[in-house]
């Protein structure tokens, strides 16, 4: 359980806090940790086992992690990676590429990826994968809480890789479908943190 009284201390008043230390701190509060290169490789293998079709490579995940320092987080249980969540912030050119329908989400142009100390224009979530319900709860919660405490003032995109993922993305995570691309989903910037969002796994103090 996460107490809203604790979580509220992390809320950024602008909704555009791209400080990697703050992102990693909120993620840790949700039970995930910043992934090392070897943990990224293990997490990517987990994703490859569970997701049909093309997925991002470990090398690409590592490259983005090295740029941002806050993009890939994992759950480790009994010595194994049981969950992974990955996202990255974008420069203006990256958001423009999405709007034009020319952003390759598997082979990402690294020039589109936001750098620390820059002002982000938006974000992209590669998504999450888990091998059990406990890990799934942690990675989903981390994705949602980082967005709703620090980055609620930014818009962003994601893709639905599985039917279960689509139900979650277009349900409690609040994304809308993008015309002419059934797998791409868009999240509009909000006017306030937690605005209209279903908050799973919070204590009663959050209700």
Protein backbone atom coordinates (compact mmCIF):
# COMPACT_ATOMS: atom_id res chain seq x y z
CA UNK A 1 0.00 0.00 0.00
CA UNK A 2 1.11 3.56 -0.74
CA UNK A 3 -0.22 6.28 1.54
CA UNK A 4 -1.31 9.39 -0.33
CA UNK A 5 0.13 11.53 2.46
CA UNK A 6 3.56 10.16 1.56
CA UNK A 7 3.01 10.25 -2.18
CA UNK A 8 1.73 13.82 -2.12
CA UNK A 9 5.13 15.01 -0.92
CA UNK A 10 6.50 14.13 -4.36
CA UNK A 11 3.88 16.01 -6.38
CA UNK A 12 5.46 18.60 -8.65
CA UNK A 13 3.39 21.79 -9.00
CA UNK A 14 4.20 22.13 -12.70
CA UNK A 15 3.68 18.49 -13.64
CA UNK A 16 6.87 18.60 -15.70
CA UNK A 17 9.51 17.45 -13.22
CA UNK A 18 12.13 15.59 -15.25
CA UNK A 19 14.69 15.27 -12.45
CA UNK A 20 15.99 11.68 -12.69
CA UNK A 21 16.54 11.50 -8.93
CA UNK A 22 12.91 12.37 -8.27
CA UNK A 23 11.65 9.90 -10.89
CA UNK A 24 13.76 7.12 -9.40
CA UNK A 25 12.60 8.01 -5.88
CA UNK A 26 8.91 7.76 -6.77
CA UNK A 27 9.56 4.50 -8.61
CA UNK A 28 11.36 3.10 -5.56
CA UNK A 29 8.41 4.07 -3.37
CA UNK A 30 6.32 1.77 -5.57
CA UNK A 31 8.69 -1.18 -5.13
CA UNK A 32 10.78 -1.01 -8.31
CA UNK A 33 14.45 -0.16 -8.74
CA UNK A 34 16.56 1.39 -11.47
CA UNK A 35 17.80 -1.38 -13.76
CA UNK A 36 21.43 -2.17 -14.47
CA UNK A 37 22.55 -3.29 -17.93
CA UNK A 38 22.41 -6.96 -16.92
CA UNK A 39 18.97 -6.52 -15.34
CA UNK A 40 17.75 -4.86 -18.53
CA UNK A 41 18.91 -7.91 -20.49
CA UNK A 42 17.07 -10.22 -18.10
CA UNK A 43 13.93 -8.08 -18.19
CA UNK A 44 13.98 -7.90 -21.97
CA UNK A 45 14.15 -11.70 -22.16
CA UNK A 46 11.09 -11.83 -19.91
CA UNK A 47 9.28 -9.48 -22.30
CA UNK A 48 10.30 -11.55 -25.32
CA UNK A 49 8.78 -14.64 -23.70
CA UNK A 50 5.42 -12.95 -23.10
CA UNK A 51 4.92 -10.52 -25.97
CA UNK A 52 4.36 -11.64 -29.53
CA UNK A 53 5.71 -9.54 -32.37
CA UNK A 54 8.60 -7.09 -32.48
CA UNK A 55 9.78 -5.65 -29.17
CA UNK A 56 12.53 -3.24 -28.27
CA UNK A 57 15.98 -4.77 -27.87
CA UNK A 58 18.02 -4.83 -24.68
CA UNK A 59 20.63 -2.70 -26.44
CA UNK A 60 18.04 0.00 -27.18
CA UNK A 61 16.72 -0.06 -23.61
CA UNK A 62 20.28 0.27 -22.35
CA UNK A 63 21.08 3.12 -24.73
CA UNK A 64 18.09 5.13 -23.53
CA UNK A 65 18.83 4.30 -19.89
CA UNK A 66 22.38 5.60 -20.33
CA UNK A 67 21.02 8.88 -21.71
CA UNK A 68 18.27 9.55 -19.17
CA UNK A 69 19.33 7.70 -16.04
CA UNK A 70 15.68 7.07 -15.14
CA UNK A 71 13.93 5.09 -17.89
CA UNK A 72 14.01 1.37 -17.04
CA UNK A 73 13.00 -0.03 -13.64
CA UNK A 74 12.65 -3.61 -12.51
CA UNK A 75 11.22 -5.82 -9.80
CA UNK A 76 13.64 -8.43 -8.47
CA UNK A 77 12.36 -11.34 -6.40
CA UNK A 78 14.34 -14.34 -5.17
CA UNK A 79 17.29 -13.30 -7.34
CA UNK A 80 15.27 -13.03 -10.56
CA UNK A 81 13.82 -10.11 -12.51
CA UNK A 82 10.07 -10.64 -12.35
CA UNK A 83 8.91 -7.28 -13.68
CA UNK A 84 10.06 -4.42 -15.88
CA UNK A 85 8.65 -1.02 -16.75
CA UNK A 86 10.23 1.35 -19.28
CA UNK A 87 9.55 4.84 -20.56
CA UNK A 88 11.45 7.91 -21.73
CA UNK A 89 10.85 11.62 -22.08
CA UNK A 90 11.00 13.32 -25.45
CA UNK A 91 12.41 16.41 -27.05
CA UNK A 92 10.03 18.57 -29.15
CA UNK A 93 11.21 16.87 -32.36
CA UNK A 94 10.22 13.52 -30.87
CA UNK A 95 6.66 14.62 -30.16
CA UNK A 96 6.47 16.12 -33.66
CA UNK A 97 7.59 12.79 -35.12
CA UNK A 98 4.74 11.04 -33.29
CA UNK A 99 2.21 13.59 -34.56
CA UNK A 100 3.48 13.00 -38.10
CA UNK A 101 3.28 9.21 -37.75
CA UNK A 102 6.99 8.63 -38.29
CA UNK A 103 8.26 7.69 -34.82
CA UNK A 104 9.76 4.17 -34.74
CA UNK A 105 9.11 2.92 -31.21
CA UNK A 106 11.26 -0.19 -31.59
CA UNK A 107 14.32 1.32 -33.25
CA UNK A 108 14.23 4.70 -31.57
CA UNK A 109 16.08 7.67 -33.03
CA UNK A 110 18.11 8.63 -29.97
CA UNK A 111 18.18 12.27 -31.06
CA UNK A 112 14.50 12.39 -30.07
CA UNK A 113 15.23 11.31 -26.49
CA UNK A 114 15.23 14.01 -23.81
CA UNK A 115 18.48 14.69 -21.97
CA UNK A 116 18.68 15.58 -18.26
CA UNK A 117 18.53 19.36 -17.66
CA UNK A 118 16.47 19.84 -20.83
CA UNK A 119 12.76 20.71 -20.66
CA UNK A 120 10.78 17.67 -21.86
CA UNK A 121 8.05 18.05 -24.47
CA UNK A 122 6.27 14.78 -23.71
CA UNK A 123 6.94 11.12 -23.19
CA UNK A 124 6.67 7.59 -24.53
CA UNK A 125 6.06 4.47 -22.45
CA UNK A 126 7.37 1.22 -23.83
CA UNK A 127 5.17 -0.36 -21.18
CA UNK A 128 5.59 -3.08 -18.61
CA UNK A 129 5.84 -6.84 -18.28
CA UNK A 130 5.71 -9.16 -15.28
CA UNK A 131 5.80 -12.86 -14.49
CA UNK A 132 3.43 -12.73 -11.51
CA UNK A 133 0.63 -10.59 -10.11
CA UNK A 134 2.72 -9.03 -7.36
CA UNK A 135 5.37 -7.80 -9.79
CA UNK A 136 2.68 -6.65 -12.21
CA UNK A 137 1.11 -4.54 -9.48
CA UNK A 138 4.43 -2.88 -8.75
CA UNK A 139 5.38 -2.00 -12.31
CA UNK A 140 1.92 -0.69 -13.19
CA UNK A 141 1.77 1.35 -10.00
CA UNK A 142 5.24 2.79 -10.61
CA UNK A 143 4.30 3.83 -14.15
CA UNK A 144 1.13 5.50 -12.95
CA UNK A 145 2.59 7.19 -9.88
CA UNK A 146 5.59 8.69 -11.71
CA UNK A 147 3.24 10.10 -14.30
CA UNK A 148 0.69 11.44 -11.84
CA UNK A 149 3.09 12.99 -9.31
CA UNK A 150 5.88 14.37 -11.49
CA UNK A 151 4.78 14.37 -15.14
CA UNK A 152 1.03 15.02 -15.07
CA UNK A 153 1.49 18.24 -17.07
CA UNK A 154 2.96 16.40 -20.07
CA UNK A 155 1.23 14.48 -22.83
CA UNK A 156 2.56 11.20 -24.12
CA UNK A 157 2.14 8.00 -26.10
CA UNK A 158 2.32 4.25 -25.62
CA UNK A 159 1.49 1.11 -27.60
CA UNK A 160 -0.71 -1.81 -26.64
CA UNK A 161 1.35 -4.97 -27.15
CA UNK A 162 -1.20 -7.43 -25.70
CA UNK A 163 -4.95 -7.60 -25.17
CA UNK A 164 -4.49 -7.34 -21.39
CA UNK A 165 -2.26 -4.33 -21.90
CA UNK A 166 -4.84 -2.67 -24.13
CA UNK A 167 -7.56 -3.10 -21.52
CA UNK A 168 -5.36 -1.45 -18.91
CA UNK A 169 -4.07 1.33 -21.18
CA UNK A 170 -7.51 2.33 -22.44
CA UNK A 171 -9.08 1.73 -19.02
CA UNK A 172 -7.58 2.82 -15.71
CA UNK A 173 -4.45 4.37 -17.25
CA UNK A 174 -6.58 6.86 -19.15
CA UNK A 175 -5.12 6.70 -22.67
CA UNK A 176 -7.17 7.33 -25.82
CA UNK A 177 -6.76 5.61 -29.18
CA UNK A 178 -4.97 7.39 -32.00
CA UNK A 179 -6.87 7.54 -35.34
CA UNK A 180 -5.42 5.34 -38.10
CA UNK A 181 -3.11 3.47 -35.69
CA UNK A 182 -5.05 0.99 -33.52
CA UNK A 183 -2.05 0.01 -31.39
CA UNK A 184 -0.93 3.56 -30.57
CA UNK A 185 -2.45 5.34 -27.57
CA UNK A 186 -2.28 9.00 -26.50
CA UNK A 187 -2.43 10.57 -23.06
CA UNK A 188 -3.26 14.26 -22.82
CA UNK A 189 -1.63 16.56 -20.30
CA UNK A 190 -3.77 17.06 -17.21
CA UNK A 191 -4.74 20.22 -15.37
CA UNK A 192 -3.85 18.77 -11.98
CA UNK A 193 -2.17 15.68 -10.49
CA UNK A 194 -4.37 12.56 -10.21
CA UNK A 195 -7.12 14.26 -12.21
CA UNK A 196 -9.74 11.64 -13.05
CA UNK A 197 -7.31 8.74 -12.54
CA UNK A 198 -8.17 5.41 -10.91
CA UNK A 199 -5.53 4.78 -8.27
CA UNK A 200 -4.97 1.08 -7.59
CA UNK A 201 -3.19 -0.07 -4.45
CA UNK A 202 -3.35 3.12 -2.43
CA UNK A 203 -4.25 3.16 1.24
CA UNK A 204 -7.60 4.49 2.44
CA UNK A 205 -5.89 7.78 3.19
CA UNK A 206 -5.74 8.28 -0.55
CA UNK A 207 -9.46 7.80 -1.12
